C-alpha cells in the first residue's frame, strides 16, 4: 500500500463531535496552500433518511476526490449504529479490521510520488467499533500514523473525555482540537487552560493552527 508522506488519523472524543466538519475545513486549507491531500473513511453509517451530506461527501468535497473513493459504497451503512453493528442489523457481512485495511488505498500525486497528507477518519470515539474486532485505537496501532487528531467539544465534560481518549492512543503523537470553542465562554476558556497547564497534550482551538500542525508545523506552544 502506498503511504502518504504524512498519515493523519482522526478520531473524536465521542460521536457527533464535528470531526468530519473539521476534516473538511483542514483539507480545504491544505489544498488551497498547494498541498496534495487524500481523505479516507473506511466505513460510515447514518440513517437512510438523514438529509445532510454523508461524512464521505463532506470529505470528498474538500479533498477533490470521488465520494466512492473516500468511502467504498459497500462500506456505507444505512443504519445509525457503529459500522459492524449496522452491517449485522442490515444482514450484511460484518467487516474485520483486516478487511477494512486491505481495502485502504492511497493515491499518488500527478508526479507519481505519494500524496502529501492522508486524512483517515474513523468513527465515534477511540473505542467505538469500526470493525468486528477493533476500533480507532486498533487501526492506529496497525498503521502507526504520523499524527492523531483528536476532535473534542469545548464544553462540560471535555477534560475527562480528552484525557481518557488521548491516553488510549498511547505514545502516538496527538493534537487535540477543541471544536466550537468560544473564547468568551468562561467554561471553554477554563477547560482550555486546564488541559494546557495540567496535561502534556498539545491543544489548539484555531483551524489555521490545526492545519499547520497537520502539515507538520506548529507542534508546540500554538494558541
C-alpha atoms as a PDB file:
ATOM      1  CA  UNK A   1       0.000   0.000   0.000  1.00  0.00           C
ATOM      2  CA  UNK A   2       1.333   3.439  -0.963  1.00  0.00           C
ATOM      3  CA  UNK A   3       1.559   5.506   2.200  1.00  0.00           C
ATOM      4  CA  UNK A   4       1.099   9.279   2.225  1.00  0.00           C
ATOM      5  CA  UNK A   5       4.092  11.404   3.143  1.00  0.00           C
ATOM      6  CA  UNK A   6       2.201  12.251   6.317  1.00  0.00           C
ATOM      7  CA  UNK A   7      -0.570   9.971   7.572  1.00  0.00           C
ATOM      8  CA  UNK A   8      -3.087  11.573   9.941  1.00  0.00           C
ATOM      9  CA  UNK A   9      -5.653   9.512  11.828  1.00  0.00           C
ATOM     10  CA  UNK A  10      -8.709  11.369  13.101  1.00  0.00           C
ATOM     11  CA  UNK A  11     -10.978  10.414  15.983  1.00  0.00           C
ATOM     12  CA  UNK A  12     -13.449  12.220  18.202  1.00  0.00           C
ATOM     13  CA  UNK A  13     -13.924  12.017  21.940  1.00  0.00           C
ATOM     14  CA  UNK A  14     -17.481  10.898  21.061  1.00  0.00           C
ATOM     15  CA  UNK A  15     -19.800  10.667  18.101  1.00  0.00           C
ATOM     16  CA  UNK A  16     -21.319  13.837  16.567  1.00  0.00           C
ATOM     17  CA  UNK A  17     -18.394  15.890  17.847  1.00  0.00           C
ATOM     18  CA  UNK A  18     -17.745  17.538  14.484  1.00  0.00           C
ATOM     19  CA  UNK A  19     -14.676  15.677  13.266  1.00  0.00           C
ATOM     20  CA  UNK A  20     -15.934  15.449   9.664  1.00  0.00           C
ATOM     21  CA  UNK A  21     -16.596  19.201   9.539  1.00  0.00           C
ATOM     22  CA  UNK A  22     -13.115  19.795  10.954  1.00  0.00           C
ATOM     23  CA  UNK A  23     -11.674  17.460   8.341  1.00  0.00           C
ATOM     24  CA  UNK A  24     -13.371  19.333   5.544  1.00  0.00           C
ATOM     25  CA  UNK A  25     -12.017  22.631   6.818  1.00  0.00           C
ATOM     26  CA  UNK A  26      -8.452  21.396   7.260  1.00  0.00           C
ATOM     27  CA  UNK A  27      -8.310  19.593   3.908  1.00  0.00           C
ATOM     28  CA  UNK A  28      -9.651  22.635   2.081  1.00  0.00           C
ATOM     29  CA  UNK A  29      -6.985  24.819   3.683  1.00  0.00           C
ATOM     30  CA  UNK A  30      -4.222  22.386   2.840  1.00  0.00           C
ATOM     31  CA  UNK A  31      -5.324  22.165  -0.798  1.00  0.00           C
ATOM     32  CA  UNK A  32      -5.549  25.941  -1.060  1.00  0.00           C
ATOM     33  CA  UNK A  33      -1.942  26.130   0.144  1.00  0.00           C
ATOM     34  CA  UNK A  34      -0.839  23.696  -2.571  1.00  0.00           C
ATOM     35  CA  UNK A  35      -0.563  20.504  -0.509  1.00  0.00           C
ATOM     36  CA  UNK A  36      -1.735  17.294  -2.138  1.00  0.00           C
ATOM     37  CA  UNK A  37      -4.321  15.563   0.039  1.00  0.00           C
ATOM     38  CA  UNK A  38      -6.491  12.476   0.155  1.00  0.00           C
ATOM     39  CA  UNK A  39      -9.247  11.503   2.572  1.00  0.00           C
ATOM     40  CA  UNK A  40     -10.417   8.041   3.530  1.00  0.00           C
ATOM     41  CA  UNK A  41     -13.319   6.855   5.661  1.00  0.00           C
ATOM     42  CA  UNK A  42     -13.010   3.049   5.926  1.00  0.00           C
ATOM     43  CA  UNK A  43     -16.654   2.703   6.969  1.00  0.00           C
ATOM     44  CA  UNK A  44     -19.551   5.032   7.700  1.00  0.00           C
ATOM     45  CA  UNK A  45     -23.121   4.717   8.878  1.00  0.00           C
ATOM     46  CA  UNK A  46     -26.116   7.037   9.074  1.00  0.00           C
ATOM     47  CA  UNK A  47     -29.883   6.769   8.866  1.00  0.00           C
ATOM     48  CA  UNK A  48     -31.130   6.460   5.300  1.00  0.00           C
ATOM     49  CA  UNK A  49     -33.394   9.479   5.806  1.00  0.00           C
ATOM     50  CA  UNK A  50     -30.652  11.781   7.071  1.00  0.00           C
ATOM     51  CA  UNK A  51     -30.999  14.916   4.902  1.00  0.00           C
ATOM     52  CA  UNK A  52     -27.419  16.092   5.350  1.00  0.00           C
ATOM     53  CA  UNK A  53     -24.373  15.048   3.322  1.00  0.00           C
ATOM     54  CA  UNK A  54     -22.587  11.897   4.388  1.00  0.00           C
ATOM     55  CA  UNK A  55     -19.169  12.061   6.009  1.00  0.00           C
ATOM     56  CA  UNK A  56     -17.641  10.804   2.774  1.00  0.00           C
ATOM     57  CA  UNK A  57     -19.394  13.528   0.785  1.00  0.00           C
ATOM     58  CA  UNK A  58     -18.032  16.244   3.054  1.00  0.00           C
ATOM     59  CA  UNK A  59     -14.502  14.856   2.917  1.00  0.00           C
ATOM     60  CA  UNK A  60     -14.667  14.280  -0.834  1.00  0.00           C
ATOM     61  CA  UNK A  61     -15.811  17.835  -1.404  1.00  0.00           C
ATOM     62  CA  UNK A  62     -12.780  19.090   0.486  1.00  0.00           C
ATOM     63  CA  UNK A  63     -10.192  16.690  -0.948  1.00  0.00           C
ATOM     64  CA  UNK A  64     -11.461  16.835  -4.549  1.00  0.00           C
ATOM     65  CA  UNK A  65     -11.905  13.068  -4.793  1.00  0.00           C
ATOM     66  CA  UNK A  66     -14.917  10.958  -5.799  1.00  0.00           C
ATOM     67  CA  UNK A  67     -17.175  10.095  -2.888  1.00  0.00           C
ATOM     68  CA  UNK A  68     -16.913   6.384  -3.674  1.00  0.00           C
ATOM     69  CA  UNK A  69     -13.132   6.628  -3.357  1.00  0.00           C
ATOM     70  CA  UNK A  70     -13.287   8.235   0.073  1.00  0.00           C
ATOM     71  CA  UNK A  71     -15.638   5.526   1.376  1.00  0.00           C
ATOM     72  CA  UNK A  72     -16.312   2.442  -0.680  1.00  0.00           C
ATOM     73  CA  UNK A  73     -20.042   2.058  -1.408  1.00  0.00           C
ATOM     74  CA  UNK A  74     -20.316  -1.326   0.286  1.00  0.00           C
ATOM     75  CA  UNK A  75     -18.908   0.223   3.488  1.00  0.00           C
ATOM     76  CA  UNK A  76     -21.662   2.835   3.716  1.00  0.00           C
ATOM     77  CA  UNK A  77     -24.375   1.529   6.025  1.00  0.00           C
ATOM     78  CA  UNK A  78     -27.884   2.988   6.220  1.00  0.00           C
ATOM     79  CA  UNK A  79     -28.410   2.472   9.955  1.00  0.00           C
ATOM     80  CA  UNK A  80     -27.067   4.885  12.575  1.00  0.00           C
ATOM     81  CA  UNK A  81     -25.001   2.370  14.529  1.00  0.00           C
ATOM     82  CA  UNK A  82     -21.311   1.545  14.721  1.00  0.00           C
ATOM     83  CA  UNK A  83     -20.410   0.018  11.325  1.00  0.00           C
ATOM     84  CA  UNK A  84     -20.112  -3.622  12.455  1.00  0.00           C
ATOM     85  CA  UNK A  85     -23.426  -3.357  14.288  1.00  0.00           C
ATOM     86  CA  UNK A  86     -25.038  -1.628  11.314  1.00  0.00           C
ATOM     87  CA  UNK A  87     -23.785  -4.330   8.953  1.00  0.00           C
ATOM     88  CA  UNK A  88     -25.196  -7.046  11.207  1.00  0.00           C
ATOM     89  CA  UNK A  89     -28.537  -5.242  11.541  1.00  0.00           C
ATOM     90  CA  UNK A  90     -28.784  -4.999   7.742  1.00  0.00           C
ATOM     91  CA  UNK A  91     -27.885  -8.658   7.233  1.00  0.00           C
ATOM     92  CA  UNK A  92     -24.609  -7.730   5.505  1.00  0.00           C
ATOM     93  CA  UNK A  93     -21.138  -9.202   6.020  1.00  0.00           C
ATOM     94  CA  UNK A  94     -19.544  -7.668   9.085  1.00  0.00           C
ATOM     95  CA  UNK A  95     -16.095  -6.246   8.271  1.00  0.00           C
ATOM     96  CA  UNK A  96     -12.996  -7.034  10.267  1.00  0.00           C
ATOM     97  CA  UNK A  97     -10.113  -4.609  10.701  1.00  0.00           C
ATOM     98  CA  UNK A  98      -8.155  -6.688   8.176  1.00  0.00           C
ATOM     99  CA  UNK A  99     -10.992  -6.287   5.667  1.00  0.00           C
ATOM    100  CA  UNK A 100     -11.013  -2.508   6.073  1.00  0.00           C
ATOM    101  CA  UNK A 101      -7.243  -2.106   5.933  1.00  0.00           C
ATOM    102  CA  UNK A 102      -6.945  -4.416   2.926  1.00  0.00           C
ATOM    103  CA  UNK A 103      -9.327  -2.073   1.081  1.00  0.00           C
ATOM    104  CA  UNK A 104      -7.420   1.062   2.046  1.00  0.00           C
ATOM    105  CA  UNK A 105      -5.726   2.633  -0.973  1.00  0.00           C
ATOM    106  CA  UNK A 106      -3.867   5.947  -1.127  1.00  0.00           C
ATOM    107  CA  UNK A 107      -3.273   7.729  -4.439  1.00  0.00           C
ATOM    108  CA  UNK A 108      -0.078   9.121  -5.889  1.00  0.00           C
ATOM    109  CA  UNK A 109       0.043  12.775  -6.905  1.00  0.00           C
ATOM    110  CA  UNK A 110       0.493  13.904 -10.506  1.00  0.00           C
ATOM    111  CA  UNK A 111       4.264  13.449 -10.416  1.00  0.00           C
ATOM    112  CA  UNK A 112       3.940   9.859  -9.273  1.00  0.00           C
ATOM    113  CA  UNK A 113       5.067  10.272  -5.677  1.00  0.00           C
ATOM    114  CA  UNK A 114       2.927   9.693  -2.591  1.00  0.00           C
ATOM    115  CA  UNK A 115       0.213  12.185  -1.723  1.00  0.00           C
ATOM    116  CA  UNK A 116       1.309  14.780   0.834  1.00  0.00           C
ATOM    117  CA  UNK A 117      -1.366  14.367   3.515  1.00  0.00           C
ATOM    118  CA  UNK A 118      -3.545  11.312   4.017  1.00  0.00           C
ATOM    119  CA  UNK A 119      -6.536  12.056   6.277  1.00  0.00           C
ATOM    120  CA  UNK A 120      -8.011   8.854   7.732  1.00  0.00           C
ATOM    121  CA  UNK A 121     -11.259   9.443   9.605  1.00  0.00           C
ATOM    122  CA  UNK A 122     -12.514   6.784  11.981  1.00  0.00           C
ATOM    123  CA  UNK A 123     -15.928   6.603  13.685  1.00  0.00           C
ATOM    124  CA  UNK A 124     -17.125   7.915  17.033  1.00  0.00           C
ATOM    125  CA  UNK A 125     -14.648   7.805  19.896  1.00  0.00           C
ATOM    126  CA  UNK A 126     -11.341   5.943  20.147  1.00  0.00           C
ATOM    127  CA  UNK A 127     -13.065   2.765  21.335  1.00  0.00           C
ATOM    128  CA  UNK A 128     -16.106   2.930  19.046  1.00  0.00           C
ATOM    129  CA  UNK A 129     -16.113  -0.266  16.941  1.00  0.00           C
ATOM    130  CA  UNK A 130     -15.192   0.233  13.302  1.00  0.00           C
ATOM    131  CA  UNK A 131     -14.783  -3.477  12.554  1.00  0.00           C
ATOM    132  CA  UNK A 132     -15.874  -6.636  14.308  1.00  0.00           C
ATOM    133  CA  UNK A 133     -12.516  -6.915  16.055  1.00  0.00           C
ATOM    134  CA  UNK A 134     -11.312  -3.382  16.578  1.00  0.00           C
ATOM    135  CA  UNK A 135     -11.668   0.372  16.734  1.00  0.00           C
ATOM    136  CA  UNK A 136      -9.698   3.565  16.075  1.00  0.00           C
ATOM    137  CA  UNK A 137      -7.040   2.539  18.571  1.00  0.00           C
ATOM    138  CA  UNK A 138      -6.660  -0.798  16.798  1.00  0.00           C
ATOM    139  CA  UNK A 139      -6.287   0.945  13.431  1.00  0.00           C
ATOM    140  CA  UNK A 140      -3.766   3.383  14.879  1.00  0.00           C
ATOM    141  CA  UNK A 141      -1.728   0.524  16.274  1.00  0.00           C
ATOM    142  CA  UNK A 142      -1.681  -1.185  12.902  1.00  0.00           C
ATOM    143  CA  UNK A 143      -0.892   1.880  10.780  1.00  0.00           C
ATOM    144  CA  UNK A 144       1.240   3.927  13.200  1.00  0.00           C
ATOM    145  CA  UNK A 145       0.085   7.319  11.883  1.00  0.00           C
ATOM    146  CA  UNK A 146       2.388  10.319  11.999  1.00  0.00           C
ATOM    147  CA  UNK A 147      -0.264  12.220  13.946  1.00  0.00           C
ATOM    148  CA  UNK A 148      -3.574  11.584  15.692  1.00  0.00           C
ATOM    149  CA  UNK A 149      -6.064  14.453  15.574  1.00  0.00           C
ATOM    150  CA  UNK A 150      -8.489  14.173  18.480  1.00  0.00           C
ATOM    151  CA  UNK A 151     -11.565  16.364  17.996  1.00  0.00           C
ATOM    152  CA  UNK A 152     -13.357  17.304  21.210  1.00  0.00           C
ATOM    153  CA  UNK A 153     -16.178  19.505  22.381  1.00  0.00           C
ATOM    154  CA  UNK A 154     -15.112  22.575  24.353  1.00  0.00           C
ATOM    155  CA  UNK A 155     -17.854  22.412  26.979  1.00  0.00           C
ATOM    156  CA  UNK A 156     -18.804  20.492  30.085  1.00  0.00           C
ATOM    157  CA  UNK A 157     -17.062  17.129  30.482  1.00  0.00           C
ATOM    158  CA  UNK A 158     -14.362  17.728  27.901  1.00  0.00           C
ATOM    159  CA  UNK A 159     -11.387  17.475  30.268  1.00  0.00           C
ATOM    160  CA  UNK A 160     -12.302  13.912  31.242  1.00  0.00           C
ATOM    161  CA  UNK A 161     -13.184  12.970  27.665  1.00  0.00           C
ATOM    162  CA  UNK A 162      -9.962  14.375  26.231  1.00  0.00           C
ATOM    163  CA  UNK A 163      -7.662  12.822  28.805  1.00  0.00           C
ATOM    164  CA  UNK A 164      -9.225   9.365  28.536  1.00  0.00           C
ATOM    165  CA  UNK A 165      -9.370   9.487  24.736  1.00  0.00           C
ATOM    166  CA  UNK A 166      -5.793  10.699  24.282  1.00  0.00           C
ATOM    167  CA  UNK A 167      -4.460   8.101  26.718  1.00  0.00           C
ATOM    168  CA  UNK A 168      -5.990   5.340  24.592  1.00  0.00           C
ATOM    169  CA  UNK A 169      -3.532   6.158  21.775  1.00  0.00           C
ATOM    170  CA  UNK A 170      -0.501   5.512  23.955  1.00  0.00           C
ATOM    171  CA  UNK A 171       2.763   7.009  22.738  1.00  0.00           C
ATOM    172  CA  UNK A 172       1.443   8.190  19.353  1.00  0.00           C
ATOM    173  CA  UNK A 173       1.633  11.978  18.853  1.00  0.00           C
ATOM    174  CA  UNK A 174      -1.766  13.552  19.500  1.00  0.00           C
ATOM    175  CA  UNK A 175      -3.063  17.045  18.844  1.00  0.00           C
ATOM    176  CA  UNK A 176      -6.382  17.964  20.441  1.00  0.00           C
ATOM    177  CA  UNK A 177      -8.751  20.329  18.657  1.00  0.00           C
ATOM    178  CA  UNK A 178     -11.483  21.906  20.782  1.00  0.00           C
ATOM    179  CA  UNK A 179     -14.290  22.293  18.290  1.00  0.00           C
ATOM    180  CA  UNK A 180     -16.829  25.121  18.601  1.00  0.00           C
ATOM    181  CA  UNK A 181     -14.526  26.880  21.080  1.00  0.00           C
ATOM    182  CA  UNK A 182     -15.783  30.284  22.218  1.00  0.00           C
ATOM    183  CA  UNK A 183     -13.117  32.378  23.976  1.00  0.00           C
ATOM    184  CA  UNK A 184     -15.869  34.447  25.578  1.00  0.00           C
ATOM    185  CA  UNK A 185     -17.322  31.357  27.262  1.00  0.00           C
ATOM    186  CA  UNK A 186     -15.794  31.075  30.737  1.00  0.00           C
ATOM    187  CA  UNK A 187     -16.112  27.281  30.869  1.00  0.00           C
ATOM    188  CA  UNK A 188     -14.484  26.879  27.455  1.00  0.00           C
ATOM    189  CA  UNK A 189     -11.597  29.114  28.499  1.00  0.00           C
ATOM    190  CA  UNK A 190     -11.104  27.256  31.786  1.00  0.00           C
ATOM    191  CA  UNK A 191     -11.197  23.852  30.065  1.00  0.00           C
ATOM    192  CA  UNK A 192      -8.549  25.014  27.603  1.00  0.00           C
ATOM    193  CA  UNK A 193      -6.334  26.402  30.368  1.00  0.00           C
ATOM    194  CA  UNK A 194      -6.679  23.228  32.446  1.00  0.00           C
ATOM    195  CA  UNK A 195      -5.740  20.948  29.576  1.00  0.00           C
ATOM    196  CA  UNK A 196      -2.749  23.077  28.618  1.00  0.00           C
ATOM    197  CA  UNK A 197      -1.476  23.549  32.161  1.00  0.00           C
ATOM    198  CA  UNK A 198      -2.314  20.189  33.731  1.00  0.00           C
ATOM    199  CA  UNK A 199      -1.540  17.805  30.854  1.00  0.00           C
ATOM    200  CA  UNK A 200       1.262  17.338  28.326  1.00  0.00           C
ATOM    201  CA  UNK A 201      -1.195  17.487  25.444  1.00  0.00           C
ATOM    202  CA  UNK A 202      -0.940  19.928  22.560  1.00  0.00           C
ATOM    203  CA  UNK A 203      -4.367  21.597  22.493  1.00  0.00           C
ATOM    204  CA  UNK A 204      -5.468  24.072  19.804  1.00  0.00           C
ATOM    205  CA  UNK A 205      -8.682  25.916  19.059  1.00  0.00           C
ATOM    206  CA  UNK A 206      -7.954  27.609  15.726  1.00  0.00           C
ATOM    207  CA  UNK A 207      -8.412  25.819  12.396  1.00  0.00           C
ATOM    208  CA  UNK A 208      -5.464  27.580  10.796  1.00  0.00           C
ATOM    209  CA  UNK A 209      -3.208  26.447  13.636  1.00  0.00           C
ATOM    210  CA  UNK A 210      -4.556  22.902  13.393  1.00  0.00           C
ATOM    211  CA  UNK A 211      -3.838  22.945   9.652  1.00  0.00           C
ATOM    212  CA  UNK A 212      -0.233  23.919  10.361  1.00  0.00           C
ATOM    213  CA  UNK A 213       0.100  21.063  12.857  1.00  0.00           C
ATOM    214  CA  UNK A 214      -1.393  18.569  10.418  1.00  0.00           C
ATOM    215  CA  UNK A 215       1.090  19.796   7.823  1.00  0.00           C
ATOM    216  CA  UNK A 216       3.994  19.218  10.197  1.00  0.00           C
ATOM    217  CA  UNK A 217       4.386  22.716  11.653  1.00  0.00           C
ATOM    218  CA  UNK A 218       3.459  24.359  14.936  1.00  0.00           C
ATOM    219  CA  UNK A 219       3.994  21.249  17.031  1.00  0.00           C
ATOM    220  CA  UNK A 220       4.041  23.025  20.376  1.00  0.00           C
ATOM    221  CA  UNK A 221       3.028  26.233  22.032  1.00  0.00           C
ATOM    222  CA  UNK A 222       0.479  27.286  19.429  1.00  0.00           C
ATOM    223  CA  UNK A 223      -2.546  29.304  20.583  1.00  0.00           C
END
